[in-house]
């Protein structure tokens, strides 16, 4: 299946899709993704503002759509709370909200690699608790959907609306790539979408408790991530 998908999504095909969707709404991109790939398409959800917007859009287009989240065992209570609110709000079946866990528990990780791995080797910690689980879950799909926006960081500035994800071997849709934070929050307010309460406490980007801090208004939205290192991405989108 992967070879077939890749053959159908050459560099030329990806370029044509990006030209086709330039200036179009995220819903039009999602409609294409769901029509083309359902049920082998899934939203990667961290329960941040962008992801809850995408989930609302997807559910309106196809109530049977699915999401997965990477439960690193170090998520904030507020993150689990918004997960539960989304399940209640949209009345989705349990199998539509897929929990993806690392192979190692926190205790097992500490025993094998030592305490505070996220401080000493943050890339290795992210590899164990995020990248490896992501690699495993994406093998079940032909396409995935993310909440990447180009103005989130320099590393995301050139994100396409549609990409071939060579790292994981499937099509990647970034329907909100051209949106601003104001557009995201405008959608949340208009449609009364449940969102993470930490966003109201100066947390524009939310990951694990150990590696996420609030940022000053107007600062780089991702400057609160991995403050003790030069790390800027967890490895999911590199």
C-alpha atoms as a PDB file:
ATOM      1  CA  UNK A   1       0.000   0.000   0.000  1.00  0.00           C
ATOM      2  CA  UNK A   2       2.795   2.442   0.859  1.00  0.00           C
ATOM      3  CA  UNK A   3       4.477   1.961  -2.521  1.00  0.00           C
ATOM      4  CA  UNK A   4       1.125   2.501  -4.267  1.00  0.00           C
ATOM      5  CA  UNK A   5       0.438   5.681  -2.318  1.00  0.00           C
ATOM      6  CA  UNK A   6       3.931   7.006  -2.980  1.00  0.00           C
ATOM      7  CA  UNK A   7       3.579   6.258  -6.687  1.00  0.00           C
ATOM      8  CA  UNK A   8       0.339   8.234  -6.784  1.00  0.00           C
ATOM      9  CA  UNK A   9       1.890  11.133  -4.915  1.00  0.00           C
ATOM     10  CA  UNK A  10       4.994  12.032  -6.843  1.00  0.00           C
ATOM     11  CA  UNK A  11       6.671  15.387  -6.344  1.00  0.00           C
ATOM     12  CA  UNK A  12       4.700  16.661  -9.318  1.00  0.00           C
ATOM     13  CA  UNK A  13       1.409  15.431  -7.850  1.00  0.00           C
ATOM     14  CA  UNK A  14       2.174  17.056  -4.511  1.00  0.00           C
ATOM     15  CA  UNK A  15       3.020  20.326  -6.262  1.00  0.00           C
ATOM     16  CA  UNK A  16      -0.231  20.208  -8.217  1.00  0.00           C
ATOM     17  CA  UNK A  17      -2.236  19.644  -5.040  1.00  0.00           C
ATOM     18  CA  UNK A  18      -0.548  22.563  -3.322  1.00  0.00           C
ATOM     19  CA  UNK A  19      -1.352  24.779  -6.291  1.00  0.00           C
ATOM     20  CA  UNK A  20      -4.919  23.490  -6.306  1.00  0.00           C
ATOM     21  CA  UNK A  21      -5.459  24.190  -2.613  1.00  0.00           C
ATOM     22  CA  UNK A  22      -3.612  27.526  -2.441  1.00  0.00           C
ATOM     23  CA  UNK A  23      -6.102  30.050  -1.129  1.00  0.00           C
ATOM     24  CA  UNK A  24      -8.676  27.354  -0.400  1.00  0.00           C
ATOM     25  CA  UNK A  25     -10.166  26.718   3.030  1.00  0.00           C
ATOM     26  CA  UNK A  26      -8.809  24.085   5.427  1.00  0.00           C
ATOM     27  CA  UNK A  27     -12.164  22.332   5.126  1.00  0.00           C
ATOM     28  CA  UNK A  28     -11.630  21.837   1.388  1.00  0.00           C
ATOM     29  CA  UNK A  29      -8.236  20.261   2.052  1.00  0.00           C
ATOM     30  CA  UNK A  30      -9.702  18.044   4.757  1.00  0.00           C
ATOM     31  CA  UNK A  31     -12.596  17.038   2.518  1.00  0.00           C
ATOM     32  CA  UNK A  32     -10.111  15.868  -0.104  1.00  0.00           C
ATOM     33  CA  UNK A  33      -8.031  13.990   2.482  1.00  0.00           C
ATOM     34  CA  UNK A  34     -11.065  12.245   3.931  1.00  0.00           C
ATOM     35  CA  UNK A  35     -12.574  11.412   0.547  1.00  0.00           C
ATOM     36  CA  UNK A  36      -9.275  10.132  -0.838  1.00  0.00           C
ATOM     37  CA  UNK A  37      -7.974   8.188   2.147  1.00  0.00           C
ATOM     38  CA  UNK A  38     -10.718   7.402   4.673  1.00  0.00           C
ATOM     39  CA  UNK A  39     -10.529   5.259   6.779  1.00  0.00           C
ATOM     40  CA  UNK A  40      -6.704   5.203   6.396  1.00  0.00           C
ATOM     41  CA  UNK A  41      -6.292   8.849   7.330  1.00  0.00           C
ATOM     42  CA  UNK A  42      -5.954  10.154  10.877  1.00  0.00           C
ATOM     43  CA  UNK A  43      -5.449  13.400  12.792  1.00  0.00           C
ATOM     44  CA  UNK A  44      -2.334  13.630  14.961  1.00  0.00           C
ATOM     45  CA  UNK A  45      -3.766  15.460  17.952  1.00  0.00           C
ATOM     46  CA  UNK A  46      -1.887  17.081  20.823  1.00  0.00           C
ATOM     47  CA  UNK A  47      -5.115  18.774  21.935  1.00  0.00           C
ATOM     48  CA  UNK A  48      -3.656  22.198  21.208  1.00  0.00           C
ATOM     49  CA  UNK A  49      -5.659  25.001  19.612  1.00  0.00           C
ATOM     50  CA  UNK A  50      -4.902  24.000  16.021  1.00  0.00           C
ATOM     51  CA  UNK A  51      -5.725  20.355  16.618  1.00  0.00           C
ATOM     52  CA  UNK A  52      -9.105  20.962  18.242  1.00  0.00           C
ATOM     53  CA  UNK A  53     -10.001  23.222  15.300  1.00  0.00           C
ATOM     54  CA  UNK A  54      -9.060  20.470  12.846  1.00  0.00           C
ATOM     55  CA  UNK A  55     -11.008  17.909  14.858  1.00  0.00           C
ATOM     56  CA  UNK A  56     -14.136  20.080  14.772  1.00  0.00           C
ATOM     57  CA  UNK A  57     -13.778  20.526  11.004  1.00  0.00           C
ATOM     58  CA  UNK A  58     -13.151  16.822  10.432  1.00  0.00           C
ATOM     59  CA  UNK A  59     -16.091  15.748  12.576  1.00  0.00           C
ATOM     60  CA  UNK A  60     -18.410  18.038  10.628  1.00  0.00           C
ATOM     61  CA  UNK A  61     -17.185  16.501   7.368  1.00  0.00           C
ATOM     62  CA  UNK A  62     -17.128  12.888   8.543  1.00  0.00           C
ATOM     63  CA  UNK A  63     -18.354  11.954  12.051  1.00  0.00           C
ATOM     64  CA  UNK A  64     -16.504   8.637  11.730  1.00  0.00           C
ATOM     65  CA  UNK A  65     -13.081  10.319  11.419  1.00  0.00           C
ATOM     66  CA  UNK A  66     -10.373   9.367  13.904  1.00  0.00           C
ATOM     67  CA  UNK A  67      -7.580  10.998  15.850  1.00  0.00           C
ATOM     68  CA  UNK A  68      -4.668   9.682  17.843  1.00  0.00           C
ATOM     69  CA  UNK A  69      -2.668  11.269  20.623  1.00  0.00           C
ATOM     70  CA  UNK A  70       0.785  10.447  21.932  1.00  0.00           C
ATOM     71  CA  UNK A  71       0.387   9.851  25.648  1.00  0.00           C
ATOM     72  CA  UNK A  72       3.938  10.372  26.849  1.00  0.00           C
ATOM     73  CA  UNK A  73       2.862   9.784  30.485  1.00  0.00           C
ATOM     74  CA  UNK A  74       3.952  13.386  31.101  1.00  0.00           C
ATOM     75  CA  UNK A  75       0.958  15.294  29.734  1.00  0.00           C
ATOM     76  CA  UNK A  76      -0.665  18.088  31.718  1.00  0.00           C
ATOM     77  CA  UNK A  77      -3.952  17.359  33.546  1.00  0.00           C
ATOM     78  CA  UNK A  78      -5.497  20.100  31.414  1.00  0.00           C
ATOM     79  CA  UNK A  79      -4.567  18.145  28.284  1.00  0.00           C
ATOM     80  CA  UNK A  80      -6.398  15.038  29.474  1.00  0.00           C
ATOM     81  CA  UNK A  81      -9.308  17.269  30.480  1.00  0.00           C
ATOM     82  CA  UNK A  82      -9.751  18.732  27.008  1.00  0.00           C
ATOM     83  CA  UNK A  83      -9.521  15.221  25.537  1.00  0.00           C
ATOM     84  CA  UNK A  84     -12.426  14.188  27.725  1.00  0.00           C
ATOM     85  CA  UNK A  85     -14.386  17.311  26.836  1.00  0.00           C
ATOM     86  CA  UNK A  86     -13.946  16.616  23.126  1.00  0.00           C
ATOM     87  CA  UNK A  87     -15.123  13.031  23.527  1.00  0.00           C
ATOM     88  CA  UNK A  88     -18.189  14.240  25.395  1.00  0.00           C
ATOM     89  CA  UNK A  89     -18.883  17.127  23.006  1.00  0.00           C
ATOM     90  CA  UNK A  90     -18.694  15.097  19.803  1.00  0.00           C
ATOM     91  CA  UNK A  91     -19.969  11.804  21.205  1.00  0.00           C
ATOM     92  CA  UNK A  92     -17.368   9.777  19.349  1.00  0.00           C
ATOM     93  CA  UNK A  93     -16.777   6.065  19.775  1.00  0.00           C
ATOM     94  CA  UNK A  94     -13.780   5.061  21.918  1.00  0.00           C
ATOM     95  CA  UNK A  95     -11.963   3.631  18.901  1.00  0.00           C
ATOM     96  CA  UNK A  96     -12.030   7.067  17.235  1.00  0.00           C
ATOM     97  CA  UNK A  97      -9.741   8.541  19.914  1.00  0.00           C
ATOM     98  CA  UNK A  98      -6.637   6.379  19.892  1.00  0.00           C
ATOM     99  CA  UNK A  99      -4.165   6.517  22.775  1.00  0.00           C
ATOM    100  CA  UNK A 100      -0.612   5.784  21.646  1.00  0.00           C
ATOM    101  CA  UNK A 101       1.809   4.990  24.464  1.00  0.00           C
ATOM    102  CA  UNK A 102       5.591   4.538  24.588  1.00  0.00           C
ATOM    103  CA  UNK A 103       7.053   1.052  24.919  1.00  0.00           C
ATOM    104  CA  UNK A 104       8.703   2.050  28.211  1.00  0.00           C
ATOM    105  CA  UNK A 105       6.955   3.333  31.303  1.00  0.00           C
ATOM    106  CA  UNK A 106       8.606   6.320  33.023  1.00  0.00           C
ATOM    107  CA  UNK A 107      10.060   3.959  35.624  1.00  0.00           C
ATOM    108  CA  UNK A 108      11.423   1.609  32.965  1.00  0.00           C
ATOM    109  CA  UNK A 109      12.930   4.533  31.070  1.00  0.00           C
ATOM    110  CA  UNK A 110      14.624   5.800  34.238  1.00  0.00           C
ATOM    111  CA  UNK A 111      15.974   2.333  35.025  1.00  0.00           C
ATOM    112  CA  UNK A 112      17.390   1.886  31.525  1.00  0.00           C
ATOM    113  CA  UNK A 113      18.592   5.420  30.754  1.00  0.00           C
ATOM    114  CA  UNK A 114      18.771   7.173  34.120  1.00  0.00           C
ATOM    115  CA  UNK A 115      16.634   9.820  35.773  1.00  0.00           C
ATOM    116  CA  UNK A 116      15.715  13.127  34.130  1.00  0.00           C
ATOM    117  CA  UNK A 117      16.447  11.958  30.600  1.00  0.00           C
ATOM    118  CA  UNK A 118      14.453  14.929  29.280  1.00  0.00           C
ATOM    119  CA  UNK A 119      17.057  17.218  30.833  1.00  0.00           C
ATOM    120  CA  UNK A 120      20.199  15.284  29.942  1.00  0.00           C
ATOM    121  CA  UNK A 121      19.178  13.957  26.513  1.00  0.00           C
ATOM    122  CA  UNK A 122      15.901  15.592  25.421  1.00  0.00           C
ATOM    123  CA  UNK A 123      16.174  14.231  21.885  1.00  0.00           C
ATOM    124  CA  UNK A 124      16.457  10.685  23.180  1.00  0.00           C
ATOM    125  CA  UNK A 125      13.507  11.219  25.508  1.00  0.00           C
ATOM    126  CA  UNK A 126      11.369  12.508  22.631  1.00  0.00           C
ATOM    127  CA  UNK A 127      12.516   9.590  20.481  1.00  0.00           C
ATOM    128  CA  UNK A 128      11.349   7.072  23.079  1.00  0.00           C
ATOM    129  CA  UNK A 129       8.138   8.767  24.145  1.00  0.00           C
ATOM    130  CA  UNK A 130       7.029  10.404  20.873  1.00  0.00           C
ATOM    131  CA  UNK A 131       8.849   9.472  17.684  1.00  0.00           C
ATOM    132  CA  UNK A 132       8.969   5.701  18.167  1.00  0.00           C
ATOM    133  CA  UNK A 133       5.255   5.478  19.102  1.00  0.00           C
ATOM    134  CA  UNK A 134       4.381   7.767  16.179  1.00  0.00           C
ATOM    135  CA  UNK A 135       6.335   5.585  13.764  1.00  0.00           C
ATOM    136  CA  UNK A 136       4.425   2.553  14.977  1.00  0.00           C
ATOM    137  CA  UNK A 137       0.930   4.067  14.720  1.00  0.00           C
ATOM    138  CA  UNK A 138       1.497   5.683  11.314  1.00  0.00           C
ATOM    139  CA  UNK A 139       2.239   2.277   9.776  1.00  0.00           C
ATOM    140  CA  UNK A 140      -1.516   1.713   9.957  1.00  0.00           C
ATOM    141  CA  UNK A 141      -2.337   4.695   7.736  1.00  0.00           C
ATOM    142  CA  UNK A 142      -1.808   6.068   4.246  1.00  0.00           C
ATOM    143  CA  UNK A 143      -2.111   9.725   5.277  1.00  0.00           C
ATOM    144  CA  UNK A 144      -1.987  11.865   8.384  1.00  0.00           C
ATOM    145  CA  UNK A 145      -3.230  15.345   9.255  1.00  0.00           C
ATOM    146  CA  UNK A 146      -1.350  17.808  11.450  1.00  0.00           C
ATOM    147  CA  UNK A 147      -1.910  21.250  12.950  1.00  0.00           C
ATOM    148  CA  UNK A 148       1.330  22.751  11.620  1.00  0.00           C
ATOM    149  CA  UNK A 149       1.168  26.450  10.763  1.00  0.00           C
ATOM    150  CA  UNK A 150       3.948  28.244   8.906  1.00  0.00           C
ATOM    151  CA  UNK A 151       4.160  31.145  11.342  1.00  0.00           C
ATOM    152  CA  UNK A 152       4.658  28.895  14.380  1.00  0.00           C
ATOM    153  CA  UNK A 153       8.426  28.720  13.928  1.00  0.00           C
ATOM    154  CA  UNK A 154      11.232  29.061  11.404  1.00  0.00           C
ATOM    155  CA  UNK A 155      11.379  25.274  11.056  1.00  0.00           C
ATOM    156  CA  UNK A 156       7.773  25.253   9.830  1.00  0.00           C
ATOM    157  CA  UNK A 157       7.909  28.323   7.590  1.00  0.00           C
ATOM    158  CA  UNK A 158       7.975  26.289   4.372  1.00  0.00           C
ATOM    159  CA  UNK A 159       5.363  23.686   5.290  1.00  0.00           C
ATOM    160  CA  UNK A 160       3.181  22.661   2.378  1.00  0.00           C
ATOM    161  CA  UNK A 161      -0.547  22.187   2.528  1.00  0.00           C
ATOM    162  CA  UNK A 162       0.159  18.696   1.218  1.00  0.00           C
ATOM    163  CA  UNK A 163       3.499  16.877   1.512  1.00  0.00           C
ATOM    164  CA  UNK A 164       5.010  13.472   1.003  1.00  0.00           C
ATOM    165  CA  UNK A 165       6.377  12.523   4.418  1.00  0.00           C
ATOM    166  CA  UNK A 166       9.469  10.547   3.506  1.00  0.00           C
ATOM    167  CA  UNK A 167      10.382   9.992   7.155  1.00  0.00           C
ATOM    168  CA  UNK A 168       7.233   7.999   7.856  1.00  0.00           C
ATOM    169  CA  UNK A 169       6.282   6.953   4.327  1.00  0.00           C
ATOM    170  CA  UNK A 170       2.836   8.482   3.840  1.00  0.00           C
ATOM    171  CA  UNK A 171       1.007  11.615   2.702  1.00  0.00           C
ATOM    172  CA  UNK A 172       0.916  14.501   5.163  1.00  0.00           C
ATOM    173  CA  UNK A 173      -1.772  17.183   5.170  1.00  0.00           C
ATOM    174  CA  UNK A 174      -1.234  20.535   6.927  1.00  0.00           C
ATOM    175  CA  UNK A 175      -4.613  22.215   6.305  1.00  0.00           C
ATOM    176  CA  UNK A 176      -3.884  25.164   8.607  1.00  0.00           C
ATOM    177  CA  UNK A 177      -0.405  25.875   7.216  1.00  0.00           C
ATOM    178  CA  UNK A 178      -1.430  29.281   5.840  1.00  0.00           C
ATOM    179  CA  UNK A 179      -3.591  30.274   8.810  1.00  0.00           C
ATOM    180  CA  UNK A 180      -2.633  32.757  11.516  1.00  0.00           C
ATOM    181  CA  UNK A 181      -3.151  32.275  15.238  1.00  0.00           C
ATOM    182  CA  UNK A 182      -5.939  34.851  15.023  1.00  0.00           C
ATOM    183  CA  UNK A 183      -7.782  32.733  12.472  1.00  0.00           C
ATOM    184  CA  UNK A 184      -7.424  29.657  14.674  1.00  0.00           C
ATOM    185  CA  UNK A 185      -8.849  31.436  17.701  1.00  0.00           C
ATOM    186  CA  UNK A 186     -11.542  33.063  15.604  1.00  0.00           C
ATOM    187  CA  UNK A 187     -12.722  29.606  14.582  1.00  0.00           C
ATOM    188  CA  UNK A 188     -12.633  28.376  18.198  1.00  0.00           C
ATOM    189  CA  UNK A 189     -14.777  31.292  19.353  1.00  0.00           C
ATOM    190  CA  UNK A 190     -17.208  31.099  16.437  1.00  0.00           C
ATOM    191  CA  UNK A 191     -17.846  27.379  16.869  1.00  0.00           C
ATOM    192  CA  UNK A 192     -17.372  27.209  20.652  1.00  0.00           C
ATOM    193  CA  UNK A 193     -14.735  24.496  20.304  1.00  0.00           C
ATOM    194  CA  UNK A 194     -13.378  23.090  23.611  1.00  0.00           C
ATOM    195  CA  UNK A 195      -9.718  24.020  24.091  1.00  0.00           C
ATOM    196  CA  UNK A 196      -6.897  23.470  26.571  1.00  0.00           C
ATOM    197  CA  UNK A 197      -7.262  25.761  29.607  1.00  0.00           C
ATOM    198  CA  UNK A 198      -3.484  26.292  29.626  1.00  0.00           C
ATOM    199  CA  UNK A 199      -3.875  28.501  26.545  1.00  0.00           C
ATOM    200  CA  UNK A 200      -5.444  31.068  28.864  1.00  0.00           C
ATOM    201  CA  UNK A 201      -2.359  30.910  31.090  1.00  0.00           C
ATOM    202  CA  UNK A 202       0.255  31.970  28.495  1.00  0.00           C
ATOM    203  CA  UNK A 203       0.916  28.493  27.112  1.00  0.00           C
ATOM    204  CA  UNK A 204       0.540  28.879  23.317  1.00  0.00           C
ATOM    205  CA  UNK A 205       2.348  25.572  22.661  1.00  0.00           C
ATOM    206  CA  UNK A 206       1.753  22.657  25.025  1.00  0.00           C
ATOM    207  CA  UNK A 207       3.744  19.447  25.283  1.00  0.00           C
ATOM    208  CA  UNK A 208       5.025  17.491  28.279  1.00  0.00           C
ATOM    209  CA  UNK A 209       5.018  18.924  31.800  1.00  0.00           C
ATOM    210  CA  UNK A 210       8.806  18.688  32.100  1.00  0.00           C
ATOM    211  CA  UNK A 211       9.528  20.553  28.867  1.00  0.00           C
ATOM    212  CA  UNK A 212       6.802  23.193  28.594  1.00  0.00           C
ATOM    213  CA  UNK A 213       6.688  26.614  30.225  1.00  0.00           C
ATOM    214  CA  UNK A 214       4.517  29.713  29.762  1.00  0.00           C
ATOM    215  CA  UNK A 215       5.773  32.491  27.507  1.00  0.00           C
ATOM    216  CA  UNK A 216       5.334  36.232  27.590  1.00  0.00           C
ATOM    217  CA  UNK A 217       2.623  37.657  25.313  1.00  0.00           C
ATOM    218  CA  UNK A 218       4.090  38.450  21.908  1.00  0.00           C
ATOM    219  CA  UNK A 219       7.065  36.099  22.298  1.00  0.00           C
ATOM    220  CA  UNK A 220       7.817  33.190  19.987  1.00  0.00           C
ATOM    221  CA  UNK A 221       4.888  30.791  20.592  1.00  0.00           C
ATOM    222  CA  UNK A 222       7.254  27.832  20.851  1.00  0.00           C
ATOM    223  CA  UNK A 223       9.830  29.520  23.078  1.00  0.00           C
ATOM    224  CA  UNK A 224       8.321  27.812  26.089  1.00  0.00           C
ATOM    225  CA  UNK A 225       9.337  24.389  24.796  1.00  0.00           C
ATOM    226  CA  UNK A 226      12.658  22.775  25.843  1.00  0.00           C
ATOM    227  CA  UNK A 227      13.932  25.960  27.450  1.00  0.00           C
ATOM    228  CA  UNK A 228      17.003  24.240  28.853  1.00  0.00           C
ATOM    229  CA  UNK A 229      18.314  23.259  25.410  1.00  0.00           C
ATOM    230  CA  UNK A 230      18.607  24.423  21.799  1.00  0.00           C
ATOM    231  CA  UNK A 231      15.939  21.923  20.801  1.00  0.00           C
ATOM    232  CA  UNK A 232      12.992  23.421  18.884  1.00  0.00           C
ATOM    233  CA  UNK A 233      11.138  20.331  17.583  1.00  0.00           C
ATOM    234  CA  UNK A 234      10.392  16.952  19.114  1.00  0.00           C
ATOM    235  CA  UNK A 235      11.211  15.104  15.884  1.00  0.00           C
ATOM    236  CA  UNK A 236       7.689  14.430  14.662  1.00  0.00           C
ATOM    237  CA  UNK A 237       7.898  17.024  11.889  1.00  0.00           C
ATOM    238  CA  UNK A 238      11.594  16.921  10.924  1.00  0.00           C
END
